[in-house]
Amino acid sequence: MHTVEEVRTYKPDARAYGLLPAASTLVAAHAWDVLGARSAGLDGIWIDRTERAWPFPGDVPKRVPDLRAAVELL
């Protein structure tokens, strides 16, 4: 198991997401987490349960209302 201590950085730095397999899709309710995963070249699904508007410039990721919908999308 790899940890962020090994790469000496923390999310949302793209290097932290490099610990995940290349074909991973990150599912998160925090926009900054999805943004970090996408900056590392991973796919991301944003659960917009608390943040109703994408707070960052650029393309809005795949967006779902809850974890069940994220699983169905996968």
PDB file of N, CA and C in Angstrom:
ATOM      1  N   MET A   1       0.840  -1.179   0.000  1.00  0.00           N
ATOM      2  CA  MET A   1       0.000   0.000   0.000  1.00  0.00           C
ATOM      3  C   MET A   1       0.887   1.245   0.000  1.00  0.00           C
ATOM      4  N   HIS A   2       0.598   2.149  -0.876  1.00  0.00           N
ATOM      5  CA  HIS A   2       1.347   3.402  -0.941  1.00  0.00           C
ATOM      6  C   HIS A   2       0.591   4.487  -0.185  1.00  0.00           C
ATOM      7  N   THR A   3       1.331   5.460   0.300  1.00  0.00           N
ATOM      8  CA  THR A   3       0.721   6.565   1.022  1.00  0.00           C
ATOM      9  C   THR A   3       1.251   7.889   0.498  1.00  0.00           C
ATOM     10  N   VAL A   4       0.552   8.974   0.831  1.00  0.00           N
ATOM     11  CA  VAL A   4       1.004  10.292   0.398  1.00  0.00           C
ATOM     12  C   VAL A   4       2.324  10.673   1.057  1.00  0.00           C
ATOM     13  N   GLU A   5       2.652  10.067   2.196  1.00  0.00           N
ATOM     14  CA  GLU A   5       3.940  10.355   2.823  1.00  0.00           C
ATOM     15  C   GLU A   5       5.094   9.939   1.922  1.00  0.00           C
ATOM     16  N   GLU A   6       4.892   8.888   1.124  1.00  0.00           N
ATOM     17  CA  GLU A   6       5.939   8.423   0.208  1.00  0.00           C
ATOM     18  C   GLU A   6       6.246   9.436  -0.882  1.00  0.00           C
ATOM     19  N   VAL A   7       5.232  10.145  -1.361  1.00  0.00           N
ATOM     20  CA  VAL A   7       5.459  11.140  -2.416  1.00  0.00           C
ATOM     21  C   VAL A   7       5.635  12.538  -1.822  1.00  0.00           C
ATOM     22  N   ARG A   8       5.504  12.645  -0.505  1.00  0.00           N
ATOM     23  CA  ARG A   8       5.713  13.886   0.244  1.00  0.00           C
ATOM     24  C   ARG A   8       4.847  15.048  -0.244  1.00  0.00           C
ATOM     25  N   THR A   9       3.606  14.727  -0.470  1.00  0.00           N
ATOM     26  CA  THR A   9       2.635  15.743  -0.854  1.00  0.00           C
ATOM     27  C   THR A   9       1.247  15.267  -0.477  1.00  0.00           C
ATOM     28  N   TYR A  10       0.284  16.160  -0.523  1.00  0.00           N
ATOM     29  CA  TYR A  10      -1.085  15.827  -0.145  1.00  0.00           C
ATOM     30  C   TYR A  10      -2.055  16.322  -1.204  1.00  0.00           C
ATOM     31  N   LYS A  11      -3.250  15.746  -1.186  1.00  0.00           N
ATOM     32  CA  LYS A  11      -4.285  16.160  -2.124  1.00  0.00           C
ATOM     33  C   LYS A  11      -4.604  17.633  -1.924  1.00  0.00           C
ATOM     34  N   PRO A  12      -4.887  18.371  -2.948  1.00  0.00           N
ATOM     35  CA  PRO A  12      -5.159  17.989  -4.331  1.00  0.00           C
ATOM     36  C   PRO A  12      -3.952  18.019  -5.264  1.00  0.00           C
ATOM     37  N   ASP A  13      -2.723  17.997  -4.751  1.00  0.00           N
ATOM     38  CA  ASP A  13      -1.546  17.929  -5.612  1.00  0.00           C
ATOM     39  C   ASP A  13      -1.633  16.674  -6.484  1.00  0.00           C
ATOM     40  N   ALA A  14      -1.408  16.823  -7.776  1.00  0.00           N
ATOM     41  CA  ALA A  14      -1.542  15.716  -8.729  1.00  0.00           C
ATOM     42  C   ALA A  14      -0.654  14.528  -8.366  1.00  0.00           C
ATOM     43  N   ARG A  15       0.472  14.767  -7.731  1.00  0.00           N
ATOM     44  CA  ARG A  15       1.372  13.658  -7.365  1.00  0.00           C
ATOM     45  C   ARG A  15       0.725  12.703  -6.370  1.00  0.00           C
ATOM     46  N   ALA A  16      -0.166  13.193  -5.532  1.00  0.00           N
ATOM     47  CA  ALA A  16      -0.847  12.319  -4.573  1.00  0.00           C
ATOM     48  C   ALA A  16      -1.754  11.318  -5.284  1.00  0.00           C
ATOM     49  N   TYR A  17      -2.343  11.716  -6.380  1.00  0.00           N
ATOM     50  CA  TYR A  17      -3.240  10.830  -7.129  1.00  0.00           C
ATOM     51  C   TYR A  17      -2.472   9.846  -7.994  1.00  0.00           C
ATOM     52  N   GLY A  18      -1.193  10.095  -8.200  1.00  0.00           N
ATOM     53  CA  GLY A  18      -0.353   9.173  -8.962  1.00  0.00           C
ATOM     54  C   GLY A  18      -0.182   7.843  -8.259  1.00  0.00           C
ATOM     55  N   LEU A  19      -0.593   7.757  -7.010  1.00  0.00           N
ATOM     56  CA  LEU A  19      -0.538   6.497  -6.275  1.00  0.00           C
ATOM     57  C   LEU A  19      -1.642   5.539  -6.701  1.00  0.00           C
ATOM     58  N   LEU A  20      -2.658   6.051  -7.398  1.00  0.00           N
ATOM     59  CA  LEU A  20      -3.774   5.218  -7.855  1.00  0.00           C
ATOM     60  C   LEU A  20      -3.442   4.581  -9.195  1.00  0.00           C
ATOM     61  N   PRO A  21      -4.007   3.413  -9.490  1.00  0.00           N
ATOM     62  CA  PRO A  21      -3.801   2.806 -10.810  1.00  0.00           C
ATOM     63  C   PRO A  21      -4.255   3.753 -11.925  1.00  0.00           C
ATOM     64  N   ALA A  22      -3.585   3.716 -13.055  1.00  0.00           N
ATOM     65  CA  ALA A  22      -3.831   4.652 -14.160  1.00  0.00           C
ATOM     66  C   ALA A  22      -5.270   4.642 -14.662  1.00  0.00           C
ATOM     67  N   ALA A  23      -5.942   3.528 -14.600  1.00  0.00           N
ATOM     68  CA  ALA A  23      -7.312   3.437 -15.127  1.00  0.00           C
ATOM     69  C   ALA A  23      -8.358   3.751 -14.065  1.00  0.00           C
ATOM     70  N   SER A  24      -7.970   4.356 -12.960  1.00  0.00           N
ATOM     71  CA  SER A  24      -8.894   4.627 -11.856  1.00  0.00           C
ATOM     72  C   SER A  24      -9.857   5.772 -12.173  1.00  0.00           C
ATOM     73  N   THR A  25     -11.012   5.696 -11.545  1.00  0.00           N
ATOM     74  CA  THR A  25     -11.964   6.802 -11.531  1.00  0.00           C
ATOM     75  C   THR A  25     -12.174   7.173 -10.078  1.00  0.00           C
ATOM     76  N   LEU A  26     -11.898   8.421  -9.748  1.00  0.00           N
ATOM     77  CA  LEU A  26     -12.099   8.888  -8.385  1.00  0.00           C
ATOM     78  C   LEU A  26     -13.520   9.405  -8.244  1.00  0.00           C
ATOM     79  N   VAL A  27     -14.226   8.944  -7.224  1.00  0.00           N
ATOM     80  CA  VAL A  27     -15.572   9.412  -6.923  1.00  0.00           C
ATOM     81  C   VAL A  27     -15.472  10.193  -5.619  1.00  0.00           C
ATOM     82  N   ALA A  28     -15.882  11.465  -5.648  1.00  0.00           N
ATOM     83  CA  ALA A  28     -15.743  12.294  -4.454  1.00  0.00           C
ATOM     84  C   ALA A  28     -16.833  13.350  -4.388  1.00  0.00           C
ATOM     85  N   ALA A  29     -17.137  13.757  -3.167  1.00  0.00           N
ATOM     86  CA  ALA A  29     -18.113  14.820  -2.953  1.00  0.00           C
ATOM     87  C   ALA A  29     -17.443  16.184  -2.861  1.00  0.00           C
ATOM     88  N   HIS A  30     -16.130  16.214  -2.880  1.00  0.00           N
ATOM     89  CA  HIS A  30     -15.395  17.474  -2.819  1.00  0.00           C
ATOM     90  C   HIS A  30     -14.824  17.800  -4.193  1.00  0.00           C
ATOM     91  N   ALA A  31     -15.201  18.940  -4.705  1.00  0.00           N
ATOM     92  CA  ALA A  31     -14.761  19.331  -6.043  1.00  0.00           C
ATOM     93  C   ALA A  31     -13.242  19.378  -6.151  1.00  0.00           C
ATOM     94  N   TRP A  32     -12.552  19.860  -5.099  1.00  0.00           N
ATOM     95  CA  TRP A  32     -11.097  19.955  -5.163  1.00  0.00           C
ATOM     96  C   TRP A  32     -10.459  18.586  -5.313  1.00  0.00           C
ATOM     97  N   ASP A  33     -11.084  17.538  -4.766  1.00  0.00           N
ATOM     98  CA  ASP A  33     -10.560  16.179  -4.883  1.00  0.00           C
ATOM     99  C   ASP A  33     -10.688  15.678  -6.325  1.00  0.00           C
ATOM    100  N   VAL A  34     -11.834  15.934  -6.937  1.00  0.00           N
ATOM    101  CA  VAL A  34     -12.035  15.539  -8.339  1.00  0.00           C
ATOM    102  C   VAL A  34     -11.095  16.335  -9.238  1.00  0.00           C
ATOM    103  N   LEU A  35     -10.928  17.606  -8.958  1.00  0.00           N
ATOM    104  CA  LEU A  35     -10.012  18.444  -9.731  1.00  0.00           C
ATOM    105  C   LEU A  35      -8.589  17.896  -9.658  1.00  0.00           C
ATOM    106  N   GLY A  36      -8.149  17.510  -8.481  1.00  0.00           N
ATOM    107  CA  GLY A  36      -6.810  16.950  -8.320  1.00  0.00           C
ATOM    108  C   GLY A  36      -6.633  15.656  -9.090  1.00  0.00           C
ATOM    109  N   ALA A  37      -7.619  14.777  -9.032  1.00  0.00           N
ATOM    110  CA  ALA A  37      -7.542  13.511  -9.764  1.00  0.00           C
ATOM    111  C   ALA A  37      -7.487  13.760 -11.262  1.00  0.00           C
ATOM    112  N   ARG A  38      -8.299  14.671 -11.741  1.00  0.00           N
ATOM    113  CA  ARG A  38      -8.303  14.972 -13.174  1.00  0.00           C
ATOM    114  C   ARG A  38      -6.984  15.599 -13.607  1.00  0.00           C
ATOM    115  N   SER A  39      -6.370  16.403 -12.740  1.00  0.00           N
ATOM    116  CA  SER A  39      -5.088  17.003 -13.092  1.00  0.00           C
ATOM    117  C   SER A  39      -3.983  15.950 -13.175  1.00  0.00           C
ATOM    118  N   ALA A  40      -4.207  14.804 -12.543  1.00  0.00           N
ATOM    119  CA  ALA A  40      -3.253  13.696 -12.604  1.00  0.00           C
ATOM    120  C   ALA A  40      -3.567  12.743 -13.754  1.00  0.00           C
ATOM    121  N   GLY A  41      -4.565  13.082 -14.576  1.00  0.00           N
ATOM    122  CA  GLY A  41      -4.903  12.252 -15.724  1.00  0.00           C
ATOM    123  C   GLY A  41      -5.902  11.155 -15.445  1.00  0.00           C
ATOM    124  N   LEU A  42      -6.505  11.169 -14.262  1.00  0.00           N
ATOM    125  CA  LEU A  42      -7.521  10.168 -13.929  1.00  0.00           C
ATOM    126  C   LEU A  42      -8.901  10.694 -14.289  1.00  0.00           C
ATOM    127  N   ASP A  43      -9.857   9.796 -14.332  1.00  0.00           N
ATOM    128  CA  ASP A  43     -11.242  10.201 -14.533  1.00  0.00           C
ATOM    129  C   ASP A  43     -11.822  10.536 -13.169  1.00  0.00           C
ATOM    130  N   GLY A  44     -12.841  11.371 -13.149  1.00  0.00           N
ATOM    131  CA  GLY A  44     -13.460  11.736 -11.888  1.00  0.00           C
ATOM    132  C   GLY A  44     -14.958  11.879 -12.010  1.00  0.00           C
ATOM    133  N   ILE A  45     -15.649  11.486 -10.950  1.00  0.00           N
ATOM    134  CA  ILE A  45     -17.097  11.677 -10.854  1.00  0.00           C
ATOM    135  C   ILE A  45     -17.336  12.505  -9.601  1.00  0.00           C
ATOM    136  N   TRP A  46     -18.054  13.594  -9.774  1.00  0.00           N
ATOM    137  CA  TRP A  46     -18.321  14.523  -8.681  1.00  0.00           C
ATOM    138  C   TRP A  46     -19.729  14.307  -8.139  1.00  0.00           C
ATOM    139  N   ILE A  47     -19.832  13.989  -6.846  1.00  0.00           N
ATOM    140  CA  ILE A  47     -21.120  13.889  -6.171  1.00  0.00           C
ATOM    141  C   ILE A  47     -21.424  15.287  -5.633  1.00  0.00           C
ATOM    142  N   ASP A  48     -22.402  15.924  -6.215  1.00  0.00           N
ATOM    143  CA  ASP A  48     -22.667  17.337  -5.891  1.00  0.00           C
ATOM    144  C   ASP A  48     -23.687  17.518  -4.768  1.00  0.00           C
ATOM    145  N   ARG A  49     -23.589  16.728  -3.737  1.00  0.00           N
ATOM    146  CA  ARG A  49     -24.584  16.768  -2.661  1.00  0.00           C
ATOM    147  C   ARG A  49     -24.516  18.024  -1.807  1.00  0.00           C
ATOM    148  N   THR A  50     -23.340  18.632  -1.663  1.00  0.00           N
ATOM    149  CA  THR A  50     -23.252  19.855  -0.863  1.00  0.00           C
ATOM    150  C   THR A  50     -22.813  21.057  -1.691  1.00  0.00           C
ATOM    151  N   GLU A  51     -21.942  20.840  -2.645  1.00  0.00           N
ATOM    152  CA  GLU A  51     -21.482  21.919  -3.523  1.00  0.00           C
ATOM    153  C   GLU A  51     -22.330  21.841  -4.785  1.00  0.00           C
ATOM    154  N   ARG A  52     -23.278  22.707  -4.938  1.00  0.00           N
ATOM    155  CA  ARG A  52     -24.221  22.603  -6.053  1.00  0.00           C
ATOM    156  C   ARG A  52     -23.712  23.167  -7.376  1.00  0.00           C
ATOM    157  N   ALA A  53     -22.661  23.969  -7.328  1.00  0.00           N
ATOM    158  CA  ALA A  53     -22.102  24.540  -8.551  1.00  0.00           C
ATOM    159  C   ALA A  53     -20.618  24.222  -8.590  1.00  0.00           C
ATOM    160  N   TRP A  54     -20.117  23.817  -9.755  1.00  0.00           N
ATOM    161  CA  TRP A  54     -18.699  23.505  -9.909  1.00  0.00           C
ATOM    162  C   TRP A  54     -17.900  24.783  -9.639  1.00  0.00           C
ATOM    163  N   PRO A  55     -17.031  24.773  -8.620  1.00  0.00           N
ATOM    164  CA  PRO A  55     -16.378  26.007  -8.196  1.00  0.00           C
ATOM    165  C   PRO A  55     -15.084  26.376  -8.934  1.00  0.00           C
ATOM    166  N   PHE A  56     -14.713  25.599  -9.926  1.00  0.00           N
ATOM    167  CA  PHE A  56     -13.449  25.843 -10.612  1.00  0.00           C
ATOM    168  C   PHE A  56     -13.676  26.164 -12.087  1.00  0.00           C
ATOM    169  N   PRO A  57     -12.738  26.910 -12.693  1.00  0.00           N
ATOM    170  CA  PRO A  57     -12.855  27.159 -14.133  1.00  0.00           C
ATOM    171  C   PRO A  57     -12.602  25.873 -14.910  1.00  0.00           C
ATOM    172  N   GLY A  58     -13.077  25.844 -16.120  1.00  0.00           N
ATOM    173  CA  GLY A  58     -12.854  24.673 -16.973  1.00  0.00           C
ATOM    174  C   GLY A  58     -14.048  23.753 -17.014  1.00  0.00           C
ATOM    175  N   ASP A  59     -13.821  22.612 -17.611  1.00  0.00           N
ATOM    176  CA  ASP A  59     -14.891  21.642 -17.810  1.00  0.00           C
ATOM    177  C   ASP A  59     -15.399  21.066 -16.493  1.00  0.00           C
ATOM    178  N   VAL A  60     -16.707  20.961 -16.395  1.00  0.00           N
ATOM    179  CA  VAL A  60     -17.338  20.313 -15.242  1.00  0.00           C
ATOM    180  C   VAL A  60     -17.236  18.805 -15.453  1.00  0.00           C
ATOM    181  N   PRO A  61     -16.798  18.059 -14.442  1.00  0.00           N
ATOM    182  CA  PRO A  61     -16.684  16.604 -14.594  1.00  0.00           C
ATOM    183  C   PRO A  61     -18.055  15.936 -14.622  1.00  0.00           C
ATOM    184  N   LYS A  62     -18.038  14.621 -14.804  1.00  0.00           N
ATOM    185  CA  LYS A  62     -19.280  13.865 -14.677  1.00  0.00           C
ATOM    186  C   LYS A  62     -19.836  14.181 -13.295  1.00  0.00           C
ATOM    187  N   ARG A  63     -21.131  14.377 -13.237  1.00  0.00           N
ATOM    188  CA  ARG A  63     -21.752  14.878 -12.017  1.00  0.00           C
ATOM    189  C   ARG A  63     -22.979  14.043 -11.666  1.00  0.00           C
ATOM    190  N   VAL A  64     -23.075  13.651 -10.401  1.00  0.00           N
ATOM    191  CA  VAL A  64     -24.198  12.831  -9.944  1.00  0.00           C
ATOM    192  C   VAL A  64     -24.671  13.348  -8.583  1.00  0.00           C
ATOM    193  N   PRO A  65     -25.908  13.019  -8.182  1.00  0.00           N
ATOM    194  CA  PRO A  65     -26.425  13.509  -6.902  1.00  0.00           C
ATOM    195  C   PRO A  65     -26.037  12.661  -5.690  1.00  0.00           C
ATOM    196  N   ASP A  66     -25.641  11.386  -5.910  1.00  0.00           N
ATOM    197  CA  ASP A  66     -25.333  10.528  -4.772  1.00  0.00           C
ATOM    198  C   ASP A  66     -24.458   9.349  -5.212  1.00  0.00           C
ATOM    199  N   LEU A  67     -24.015   8.576  -4.235  1.00  0.00           N
ATOM    200  CA  LEU A  67     -23.112   7.465  -4.507  1.00  0.00           C
ATOM    201  C   LEU A  67     -23.770   6.381  -5.363  1.00  0.00           C
ATOM    202  N   ARG A  68     -25.034   6.149  -5.158  1.00  0.00           N
ATOM    203  CA  ARG A  68     -25.751   5.154  -5.966  1.00  0.00           C
ATOM    204  C   ARG A  68     -25.688   5.523  -7.446  1.00  0.00           C
ATOM    205  N   ALA A  69     -25.899   6.776  -7.751  1.00  0.00           N
ATOM    206  CA  ALA A  69     -25.837   7.238  -9.144  1.00  0.00           C
ATOM    207  C   ALA A  69     -24.422   7.131  -9.690  1.00  0.00           C
ATOM    208  N   ALA A  70     -23.423   7.341  -8.845  1.00  0.00           N
ATOM    209  CA  ALA A  70     -22.021   7.209  -9.286  1.00  0.00           C
ATOM    210  C   ALA A  70     -21.724   5.757  -9.670  1.00  0.00           C
ATOM    211  N   VAL A  71     -22.208   4.828  -8.862  1.00  0.00           N
ATOM    212  CA  VAL A  71     -22.014   3.406  -9.166  1.00  0.00           C
ATOM    213  C   VAL A  71     -22.704   3.050 -10.481  1.00  0.00           C
ATOM    214  N   GLU A  72     -23.906   3.549 -10.665  1.00  0.00           N
ATOM    215  CA  GLU A  72     -24.634   3.271 -11.901  1.00  0.00           C
ATOM    216  C   GLU A  72     -23.889   3.852 -13.108  1.00  0.00           C
ATOM    217  N   LEU A  73     -23.278   5.022 -12.946  1.00  0.00           N
ATOM    218  CA  LEU A  73     -22.527   5.655 -14.026  1.00  0.00           C
ATOM    219  C   LEU A  73     -21.276   4.853 -14.371  1.00  0.00           C
ATOM    220  N   LEU A  74     -20.635   4.293 -13.354  1.00  0.00           N
ATOM    221  CA  LEU A  74     -19.441   3.481 -13.593  1.00  0.00           C
ATOM    222  C   LEU A  74     -19.784   2.242 -14.362  1.00  0.00           C
TER     223      LEU A  74
END
